[in-house]
Amino acid sequence: MNAIELIATQLDDAARFAHDVPQFDPQGERSLDEAYAIQRASIACRLARDERRVGVKMGFTSRAKMVQMGLSDVIWGRLTSAMQVEENTAIDLAHYVHPRVEPEIAFVLKRALNGDETGPAALAAVEAIAPALEIIDSRYRDFRFSLPEVIADNASSSGFVIGGWCDPRIDFSNLGLVLNIDGRAVQVGSTAALLGHPLRSLVAAARLSAVAGEPLQAGAIVMAGGATSAEWLKAGQYVSVEFERLGRAGFYVKD
């Protein structure tokens, strides 16, 4: 087993059995190509257990966050079938290490996307859009990590909840949204926080997936990125997001 496979196996075990692991690159010296190779190998472990690839998630879709991290592009991770949480069901915090939640907008495709799509072409490939929540989790000890470590850890993606699907012809460029915990607003934002327009996140997802040799196919789900800061999850909570014109999505956290 080479170094990439070894790290990938350690991260897969950490996610599967909900335990933390030490950092493997605290100074952030590994290349992003190496980080994505680890992510791919880690996801391959899940696929070997009969999970299915169902889409991708985007990260660092805030311009300010990209500047803060010294990035010129977004990052991305892979979604599998085991990561989907049905709306209004409960998750168990015992399955996570450092769980947080972000409000997002989700796309589902009706046709495949190549890597060089324009915004209008990408929109034409969208079957529907939906309010969504992403459960993110870092498996690194003491919640400390470098950029390559985040990418290797599937861009911190751990679960996702999708609300009712809506007509993509709705103007979703600047929709207000509220993240609620136990009925109390904890974050307020807009879909415009996603690269200025969520469609840009979809175009980036198509491009990066194609470069990786995994172009987005019909039926793929794309989580467009966090529209506000993330909130920590605690036992007994009910978490929901309400979107202007799109509706809501929510889930429970077991006591």
Protein backbone atom coordinates (compact mmCIF):
# COMPACT_ATOMS: atom_id res chain seq x y z
CA MET A 1 0.00 0.00 0.00
CA ASN A 2 1.50 3.33 -1.05
CA ALA A 3 1.35 6.56 0.96
CA ILE A 4 -1.76 7.89 -0.80
CA GLU A 5 -3.65 4.62 -0.27
CA LEU A 6 -2.56 4.48 3.37
CA ILE A 7 -3.83 8.00 4.14
CA ALA A 8 -7.01 7.33 2.17
CA THR A 9 -7.69 4.20 4.20
CA GLN A 10 -7.08 6.06 7.46
CA LEU A 11 -9.52 8.82 6.46
CA ASP A 12 -12.09 6.29 5.27
CA ASP A 13 -11.89 4.46 8.60
CA ALA A 14 -12.16 7.77 10.48
CA ALA A 15 -15.34 8.71 8.61
CA ARG A 16 -16.79 5.20 8.78
CA PHE A 17 -16.19 4.66 12.50
CA ALA A 18 -16.38 8.32 13.63
CA HIS A 19 -13.00 8.72 15.23
CA ASP A 20 -10.40 11.42 14.79
CA VAL A 21 -6.99 11.04 13.17
CA PRO A 22 -3.79 13.08 13.41
CA GLN A 23 -2.90 15.50 10.64
CA PHE A 24 -0.74 14.09 7.87
CA ASP A 25 0.25 17.45 6.36
CA PRO A 26 -0.04 20.18 9.02
CA GLN A 27 2.10 22.65 7.07
CA GLY A 28 0.07 22.23 3.89
CA GLU A 29 3.06 21.13 1.84
CA ARG A 30 1.39 18.47 -0.31
CA SER A 31 0.06 19.47 -3.71
CA LEU A 32 -3.65 19.77 -4.33
CA ASP A 33 -3.30 17.02 -6.95
CA GLU A 34 -2.04 14.69 -4.22
CA ALA A 35 -4.87 15.77 -1.93
CA TYR A 36 -7.47 14.96 -4.58
CA ALA A 37 -5.77 11.62 -5.26
CA ILE A 38 -6.22 10.77 -1.58
CA GLN A 39 -9.86 11.85 -1.73
CA ARG A 40 -10.50 9.70 -4.80
CA ALA A 41 -8.85 6.67 -3.17
CA SER A 42 -10.85 7.21 0.03
CA ILE A 43 -14.13 7.37 -1.89
CA ALA A 44 -13.09 4.21 -3.76
CA CYS A 45 -13.18 2.43 -0.40
CA ARG A 46 -16.82 3.43 -0.03
CA LEU A 47 -17.69 2.32 -3.54
CA ALA A 48 -16.12 -1.06 -2.78
CA ARG A 49 -18.73 -1.35 0.01
CA ASP A 50 -21.50 -0.89 -2.58
CA GLU A 51 -22.11 2.82 -2.04
CA ARG A 52 -22.86 4.67 -5.29
CA ARG A 53 -21.58 8.00 -6.57
CA VAL A 54 -24.56 10.34 -6.71
CA GLY A 55 -22.96 13.73 -7.31
CA VAL A 56 -20.54 16.35 -6.04
CA LYS A 57 -20.35 19.08 -3.44
CA MET A 58 -18.61 22.41 -3.85
CA GLY A 59 -16.58 24.16 -1.20
CA PHE A 60 -15.03 27.59 -0.60
CA THR A 61 -17.61 29.15 -2.93
CA SER A 62 -17.28 32.46 -1.10
CA ARG A 63 -14.81 34.84 -2.76
CA ALA A 64 -13.70 36.06 0.65
CA LYS A 65 -13.02 32.48 1.77
CA MET A 66 -10.98 31.78 -1.36
CA VAL A 67 -8.84 34.85 -0.73
CA GLN A 68 -8.44 33.87 2.92
CA MET A 69 -7.24 30.38 1.90
CA GLY A 70 -5.00 31.69 -0.87
CA LEU A 71 -7.04 29.93 -3.56
CA SER A 72 -7.89 30.94 -7.10
CA ASP A 73 -10.58 28.27 -7.45
CA VAL A 74 -13.24 26.44 -5.48
CA ILE A 75 -12.68 22.97 -4.05
CA TRP A 76 -14.97 19.98 -4.44
CA GLY A 77 -15.82 16.60 -2.96
CA ARG A 78 -17.82 13.55 -3.92
CA LEU A 79 -21.31 12.57 -2.75
CA THR A 80 -22.29 8.93 -2.27
CA SER A 81 -25.64 7.26 -1.72
CA ALA A 82 -24.91 6.54 1.95
CA MET A 83 -24.44 10.26 2.63
CA GLN A 84 -28.03 11.25 1.84
CA VAL A 85 -30.25 11.87 4.86
CA GLU A 86 -33.98 11.85 4.20
CA GLU A 87 -35.71 15.09 5.05
CA ASN A 88 -37.14 15.35 8.57
CA THR A 89 -35.45 12.18 9.76
CA ALA A 90 -32.86 12.09 12.55
CA ILE A 91 -29.08 11.81 12.49
CA ASP A 92 -26.98 10.40 15.32
CA LEU A 93 -24.02 12.51 16.43
CA ALA A 94 -22.20 9.30 17.32
CA HIS A 95 -21.60 8.91 13.58
CA TYR A 96 -19.61 12.16 13.36
CA VAL A 97 -16.48 13.71 14.86
CA HIS A 98 -16.88 17.51 14.53
CA PRO A 99 -20.32 17.90 12.87
CA ARG A 100 -21.59 21.22 11.58
CA VAL A 101 -24.30 22.26 9.12
CA GLU A 102 -24.51 24.72 6.22
CA PRO A 103 -27.49 25.88 4.13
CA GLU A 104 -27.10 25.23 0.41
CA ILE A 105 -28.95 25.07 -2.87
CA ALA A 106 -28.95 21.74 -4.72
CA PHE A 107 -29.18 20.98 -8.43
CA VAL A 108 -30.17 17.71 -10.09
CA LEU A 109 -29.28 17.21 -13.76
CA LYS A 110 -31.42 15.88 -16.58
CA ARG A 111 -28.47 15.49 -18.95
CA ALA A 112 -24.72 15.12 -18.68
CA LEU A 113 -22.46 18.17 -18.46
CA ASN A 114 -19.08 18.50 -20.12
CA GLY A 115 -16.24 20.50 -18.67
CA ASP A 116 -16.57 23.61 -20.82
CA GLU A 117 -20.20 24.53 -20.28
CA THR A 118 -21.46 28.11 -20.32
CA GLY A 119 -23.88 29.26 -17.66
CA PRO A 120 -26.94 29.07 -19.94
CA ALA A 121 -25.94 25.61 -21.18
CA ALA A 122 -25.45 24.40 -17.63
CA LEU A 123 -28.85 25.77 -16.62
CA ALA A 124 -30.46 24.01 -19.59
CA ALA A 125 -29.12 20.72 -18.19
CA VAL A 126 -30.79 21.24 -14.78
CA GLU A 127 -33.89 19.19 -14.06
CA ALA A 128 -34.72 20.92 -10.77
CA ILE A 129 -33.33 22.95 -7.85
CA ALA A 130 -34.02 22.55 -4.15
CA PRO A 131 -33.31 23.98 -0.70
CA ALA A 132 -30.72 21.80 1.00
CA LEU A 133 -28.52 21.35 4.04
CA GLU A 134 -25.04 19.87 4.11
CA ILE A 135 -23.67 18.12 7.17
CA ILE A 136 -19.93 18.75 7.21
CA ASP A 137 -17.42 17.02 9.43
CA SER A 138 -13.68 17.16 9.84
CA ARG A 139 -12.02 13.97 11.00
CA TYR A 140 -8.79 15.65 12.16
CA ARG A 141 -7.84 15.72 15.83
CA ASP A 142 -8.57 18.96 17.68
CA PHE A 143 -10.32 20.32 14.56
CA ARG A 144 -6.99 21.44 13.06
CA PHE A 145 -6.21 20.96 9.38
CA SER A 146 -4.48 22.41 6.34
CA LEU A 147 -6.02 22.94 2.90
CA PRO A 148 -4.66 19.67 1.40
CA GLU A 149 -6.02 17.84 4.44
CA VAL A 150 -9.49 19.32 3.95
CA ILE A 151 -9.55 18.25 0.30
CA ALA A 152 -8.27 14.76 1.14
CA ASP A 153 -11.05 14.46 3.74
CA ASN A 154 -13.67 14.75 0.96
CA ALA A 155 -13.81 18.53 1.40
CA SER A 156 -15.36 17.83 4.84
CA SER A 157 -18.57 16.53 3.27
CA SER A 158 -20.42 13.95 5.37
CA GLY A 159 -24.13 14.15 4.64
CA PHE A 160 -26.80 16.10 2.82
CA VAL A 161 -30.52 16.75 3.15
CA ILE A 162 -32.60 17.93 0.20
CA GLY A 163 -36.05 19.54 0.36
CA GLY A 164 -38.70 19.58 -2.33
CA TRP A 165 -37.52 19.99 -5.91
CA CYS A 166 -38.54 23.18 -7.72
CA ASP A 167 -38.66 24.50 -11.28
CA PRO A 168 -35.16 25.72 -12.24
CA ARG A 169 -36.67 28.56 -14.26
CA ILE A 170 -37.19 30.39 -10.97
CA ASP A 171 -34.67 33.23 -10.66
CA PHE A 172 -32.43 31.78 -7.94
CA SER A 173 -29.59 34.28 -8.31
CA ASN A 174 -30.30 36.21 -5.11
CA LEU A 175 -32.81 34.36 -2.93
CA GLY A 176 -32.90 35.13 0.77
CA LEU A 177 -32.52 32.24 3.19
CA VAL A 178 -32.59 31.64 6.94
CA LEU A 179 -30.87 28.80 8.79
CA ASN A 180 -32.88 27.91 11.90
CA ILE A 181 -32.04 25.76 14.91
CA ASP A 182 -35.02 24.86 17.08
CA GLY A 183 -37.03 27.56 15.33
CA ARG A 184 -34.52 30.31 16.04
CA ALA A 185 -32.72 32.07 13.21
CA VAL A 186 -28.97 31.56 13.58
CA GLN A 187 -27.76 32.55 10.09
CA VAL A 188 -29.27 34.77 7.40
CA GLY A 189 -27.91 34.89 3.88
CA SER A 190 -28.51 34.81 0.15
CA THR A 191 -27.80 32.49 -2.75
CA ALA A 192 -25.79 35.37 -4.24
CA ALA A 193 -23.05 34.45 -1.73
CA LEU A 194 -22.26 31.46 -3.97
CA LEU A 195 -19.74 33.03 -6.38
CA GLY A 196 -22.22 35.83 -7.04
CA HIS A 197 -24.68 33.35 -8.60
CA PRO A 198 -25.15 29.63 -7.77
CA LEU A 199 -25.00 28.82 -11.47
CA ARG A 200 -21.29 29.66 -11.41
CA SER A 201 -20.84 26.93 -8.83
CA LEU A 202 -22.56 24.44 -11.13
CA VAL A 203 -20.31 25.44 -14.04
CA ALA A 204 -17.27 24.97 -11.78
CA ALA A 205 -18.57 21.56 -10.68
CA ALA A 206 -18.87 20.48 -14.31
CA ARG A 207 -15.38 21.71 -15.12
CA LEU A 208 -13.62 20.16 -12.13
CA SER A 209 -15.45 16.84 -12.44
CA ALA A 210 -14.51 16.59 -16.11
CA VAL A 211 -10.85 17.38 -15.37
CA ALA A 212 -10.91 14.53 -12.84
CA GLY A 213 -12.22 12.17 -15.51
CA GLU A 214 -15.63 11.92 -13.81
CA PRO A 215 -17.95 14.20 -15.85
CA LEU A 216 -21.34 14.87 -14.33
CA GLN A 217 -24.03 12.56 -15.65
CA ALA A 218 -27.81 12.79 -15.89
CA GLY A 219 -29.27 12.35 -12.41
CA ALA A 220 -26.20 13.78 -10.65
CA ILE A 221 -26.79 16.01 -7.63
CA VAL A 222 -24.64 19.11 -7.19
CA MET A 223 -24.53 20.82 -3.80
CA ALA A 224 -23.54 24.38 -4.69
CA GLY A 225 -21.70 25.35 -1.48
CA GLY A 226 -22.43 26.92 1.88
CA ALA A 227 -24.43 30.13 1.64
CA THR A 228 -23.64 31.17 5.23
CA SER A 229 -21.17 30.25 7.93
CA ALA A 230 -21.55 26.76 9.37
CA GLU A 231 -23.22 26.06 12.70
CA TRP A 232 -22.19 23.35 15.17
CA LEU A 233 -24.67 20.53 15.70
CA LYS A 234 -25.81 19.44 19.16
CA ALA A 235 -27.99 16.61 20.42
CA GLY A 236 -31.74 17.19 20.42
CA GLN A 237 -31.79 19.98 17.83
CA TYR A 238 -34.12 20.45 14.89
CA VAL A 239 -32.26 22.14 12.04
CA SER A 240 -34.00 23.72 9.07
CA VAL A 241 -33.42 26.15 6.25
CA GLU A 242 -36.09 28.35 4.68
CA PHE A 243 -35.52 29.77 1.20
CA GLU A 244 -37.38 32.59 -0.42
CA ARG A 245 -39.57 31.04 -3.17
CA LEU A 246 -38.03 27.57 -2.85
CA GLY A 247 -39.39 26.29 0.45
CA ARG A 248 -37.56 24.50 3.20
CA ALA A 249 -35.56 21.47 4.25
CA GLY A 250 -34.82 20.12 7.70
CA PHE A 251 -33.63 17.25 9.91
CA TYR A 252 -33.44 16.24 13.56
CA VAL A 253 -30.44 15.44 15.73
CA LYS A 254 -31.03 12.56 18.12
CA ASP A 255 -30.85 13.23 21.87
